[in-house]
């Protein structure tokens, strides 16, 4: 598992609309109809995170879910973060 270079990160972010690099993590906020819908999506994401052995930093306030991904072991973004972001997009846009 290697930390992506700035160029690699930039290229990968082009495949993830709305995701941005901020403060050492890739991040995106999602808005849902209500808390119940946001929490249901979080639950589905949690199962995928367990399967990938990679877990987000996230915050849920009512109908908004903000997700931050990075790999602490390398101090930056890896392909694991990109893969999880793509999985999250697939779940949300299902």
C-alpha atoms as a PDB file:
ATOM      1  CA  UNK A   1       0.000   0.000   0.000  1.00  0.00           C
ATOM      2  CA  UNK A   2       1.636   3.197  -1.197  1.00  0.00           C
ATOM      3  CA  UNK A   3       0.695   6.828  -0.776  1.00  0.00           C
ATOM      4  CA  UNK A   4      -0.488   8.329  -4.059  1.00  0.00           C
ATOM      5  CA  UNK A   5       1.549  11.117  -5.580  1.00  0.00           C
ATOM      6  CA  UNK A   6      -0.118  14.471  -6.128  1.00  0.00           C
ATOM      7  CA  UNK A   7      -0.492  13.641  -9.838  1.00  0.00           C
ATOM      8  CA  UNK A   8      -1.964  10.199  -9.138  1.00  0.00           C
ATOM      9  CA  UNK A   9      -4.384  11.686  -6.640  1.00  0.00           C
ATOM     10  CA  UNK A  10      -5.473  14.381  -9.089  1.00  0.00           C
ATOM     11  CA  UNK A  11      -6.078  11.804 -11.833  1.00  0.00           C
ATOM     12  CA  UNK A  12      -8.073   9.547  -9.519  1.00  0.00           C
ATOM     13  CA  UNK A  13     -10.215  12.415  -8.230  1.00  0.00           C
ATOM     14  CA  UNK A  14     -11.301  13.079 -11.829  1.00  0.00           C
ATOM     15  CA  UNK A  15     -13.191   9.759 -11.618  1.00  0.00           C
ATOM     16  CA  UNK A  16     -14.947  10.809  -8.393  1.00  0.00           C
ATOM     17  CA  UNK A  17     -17.169  13.838  -9.034  1.00  0.00           C
ATOM     18  CA  UNK A  18     -17.654  15.988  -5.956  1.00  0.00           C
ATOM     19  CA  UNK A  19     -14.792  14.469  -3.981  1.00  0.00           C
ATOM     20  CA  UNK A  20     -12.072  16.925  -2.974  1.00  0.00           C
ATOM     21  CA  UNK A  21      -8.692  16.715  -1.299  1.00  0.00           C
ATOM     22  CA  UNK A  22      -8.877  18.665   1.957  1.00  0.00           C
ATOM     23  CA  UNK A  23      -6.613  18.587   4.990  1.00  0.00           C
ATOM     24  CA  UNK A  24      -4.960  15.279   4.107  1.00  0.00           C
ATOM     25  CA  UNK A  25      -8.110  13.381   3.135  1.00  0.00           C
ATOM     26  CA  UNK A  26     -10.521  13.014   0.256  1.00  0.00           C
ATOM     27  CA  UNK A  27     -13.906  14.249   1.335  1.00  0.00           C
ATOM     28  CA  UNK A  28     -17.474  14.651   0.170  1.00  0.00           C
ATOM     29  CA  UNK A  29     -20.797  15.561   1.752  1.00  0.00           C
ATOM     30  CA  UNK A  30     -24.066  13.906   0.797  1.00  0.00           C
ATOM     31  CA  UNK A  31     -27.577  15.156   1.536  1.00  0.00           C
ATOM     32  CA  UNK A  32     -30.575  12.861   1.976  1.00  0.00           C
ATOM     33  CA  UNK A  33     -34.305  13.324   2.523  1.00  0.00           C
ATOM     34  CA  UNK A  34     -34.095  12.800   6.269  1.00  0.00           C
ATOM     35  CA  UNK A  35     -32.082  11.261   9.107  1.00  0.00           C
ATOM     36  CA  UNK A  36     -33.521   7.789   8.555  1.00  0.00           C
ATOM     37  CA  UNK A  37     -32.363   7.704   4.931  1.00  0.00           C
ATOM     38  CA  UNK A  38     -28.901   9.015   5.858  1.00  0.00           C
ATOM     39  CA  UNK A  39     -28.542   6.411   8.598  1.00  0.00           C
ATOM     40  CA  UNK A  40     -29.707   3.588   6.317  1.00  0.00           C
ATOM     41  CA  UNK A  41     -27.026   4.538   3.769  1.00  0.00           C
ATOM     42  CA  UNK A  42     -24.419   4.737   6.533  1.00  0.00           C
ATOM     43  CA  UNK A  43     -25.338   1.201   7.572  1.00  0.00           C
ATOM     44  CA  UNK A  44     -24.920  -0.099   4.021  1.00  0.00           C
ATOM     45  CA  UNK A  45     -21.572   1.696   3.722  1.00  0.00           C
ATOM     46  CA  UNK A  46     -20.439   0.263   7.068  1.00  0.00           C
ATOM     47  CA  UNK A  47     -20.841  -3.310   5.810  1.00  0.00           C
ATOM     48  CA  UNK A  48     -18.761  -2.531   2.712  1.00  0.00           C
ATOM     49  CA  UNK A  49     -16.105  -0.866   4.875  1.00  0.00           C
ATOM     50  CA  UNK A  50     -15.815  -4.044   6.916  1.00  0.00           C
ATOM     51  CA  UNK A  51     -15.434  -6.115   3.744  1.00  0.00           C
ATOM     52  CA  UNK A  52     -12.669  -3.798   2.503  1.00  0.00           C
ATOM     53  CA  UNK A  53     -11.044  -3.531   5.954  1.00  0.00           C
ATOM     54  CA  UNK A  54     -10.994   0.228   5.495  1.00  0.00           C
ATOM     55  CA  UNK A  55     -13.028   2.657   7.545  1.00  0.00           C
ATOM     56  CA  UNK A  56     -14.017   6.286   6.988  1.00  0.00           C
ATOM     57  CA  UNK A  57     -14.031   9.258   9.251  1.00  0.00           C
ATOM     58  CA  UNK A  58     -17.598  10.425   8.975  1.00  0.00           C
ATOM     59  CA  UNK A  59     -20.084  12.780  10.483  1.00  0.00           C
ATOM     60  CA  UNK A  60     -23.849  12.641  10.296  1.00  0.00           C
ATOM     61  CA  UNK A  61     -25.958  15.674  11.138  1.00  0.00           C
ATOM     62  CA  UNK A  62     -29.654  15.017  10.494  1.00  0.00           C
ATOM     63  CA  UNK A  63     -29.841  14.464   6.711  1.00  0.00           C
ATOM     64  CA  UNK A  64     -26.215  15.247   5.845  1.00  0.00           C
ATOM     65  CA  UNK A  65     -23.380  12.749   5.784  1.00  0.00           C
ATOM     66  CA  UNK A  66     -19.803  13.963   5.397  1.00  0.00           C
ATOM     67  CA  UNK A  67     -17.167  11.337   4.649  1.00  0.00           C
ATOM     68  CA  UNK A  68     -13.384  11.749   4.897  1.00  0.00           C
ATOM     69  CA  UNK A  69     -11.046   9.031   3.659  1.00  0.00           C
ATOM     70  CA  UNK A  70      -7.322   8.625   4.121  1.00  0.00           C
ATOM     71  CA  UNK A  71      -4.888   5.885   5.080  1.00  0.00           C
ATOM     72  CA  UNK A  72      -3.283   6.616   8.424  1.00  0.00           C
ATOM     73  CA  UNK A  73      -0.562   3.966   7.947  1.00  0.00           C
ATOM     74  CA  UNK A  74       0.976   5.887   5.031  1.00  0.00           C
ATOM     75  CA  UNK A  75      -0.054   9.377   6.041  1.00  0.00           C
ATOM     76  CA  UNK A  76      -2.051  10.119   2.923  1.00  0.00           C
ATOM     77  CA  UNK A  77      -4.322   8.805   0.203  1.00  0.00           C
ATOM     78  CA  UNK A  78      -3.933   5.314  -1.256  1.00  0.00           C
ATOM     79  CA  UNK A  79      -5.799   3.279  -3.836  1.00  0.00           C
ATOM     80  CA  UNK A  80      -7.744   1.791  -0.898  1.00  0.00           C
ATOM     81  CA  UNK A  81      -9.273   5.223  -0.289  1.00  0.00           C
ATOM     82  CA  UNK A  82     -10.123   5.610  -3.968  1.00  0.00           C
ATOM     83  CA  UNK A  83     -11.702   2.138  -4.059  1.00  0.00           C
ATOM     84  CA  UNK A  84     -13.811   2.850  -0.979  1.00  0.00           C
ATOM     85  CA  UNK A  85     -14.934   6.207  -2.389  1.00  0.00           C
ATOM     86  CA  UNK A  86     -16.044   4.437  -5.584  1.00  0.00           C
ATOM     87  CA  UNK A  87     -17.937   1.846  -3.520  1.00  0.00           C
ATOM     88  CA  UNK A  88     -19.629   4.621  -1.545  1.00  0.00           C
ATOM     89  CA  UNK A  89     -20.662   6.317  -4.783  1.00  0.00           C
ATOM     90  CA  UNK A  90     -22.104   3.046  -6.096  1.00  0.00           C
ATOM     91  CA  UNK A  91     -24.122   2.547  -2.903  1.00  0.00           C
ATOM     92  CA  UNK A  92     -25.475   6.086  -2.859  1.00  0.00           C
ATOM     93  CA  UNK A  93     -26.167   6.297  -6.587  1.00  0.00           C
ATOM     94  CA  UNK A  94     -27.224   2.641  -6.746  1.00  0.00           C
END
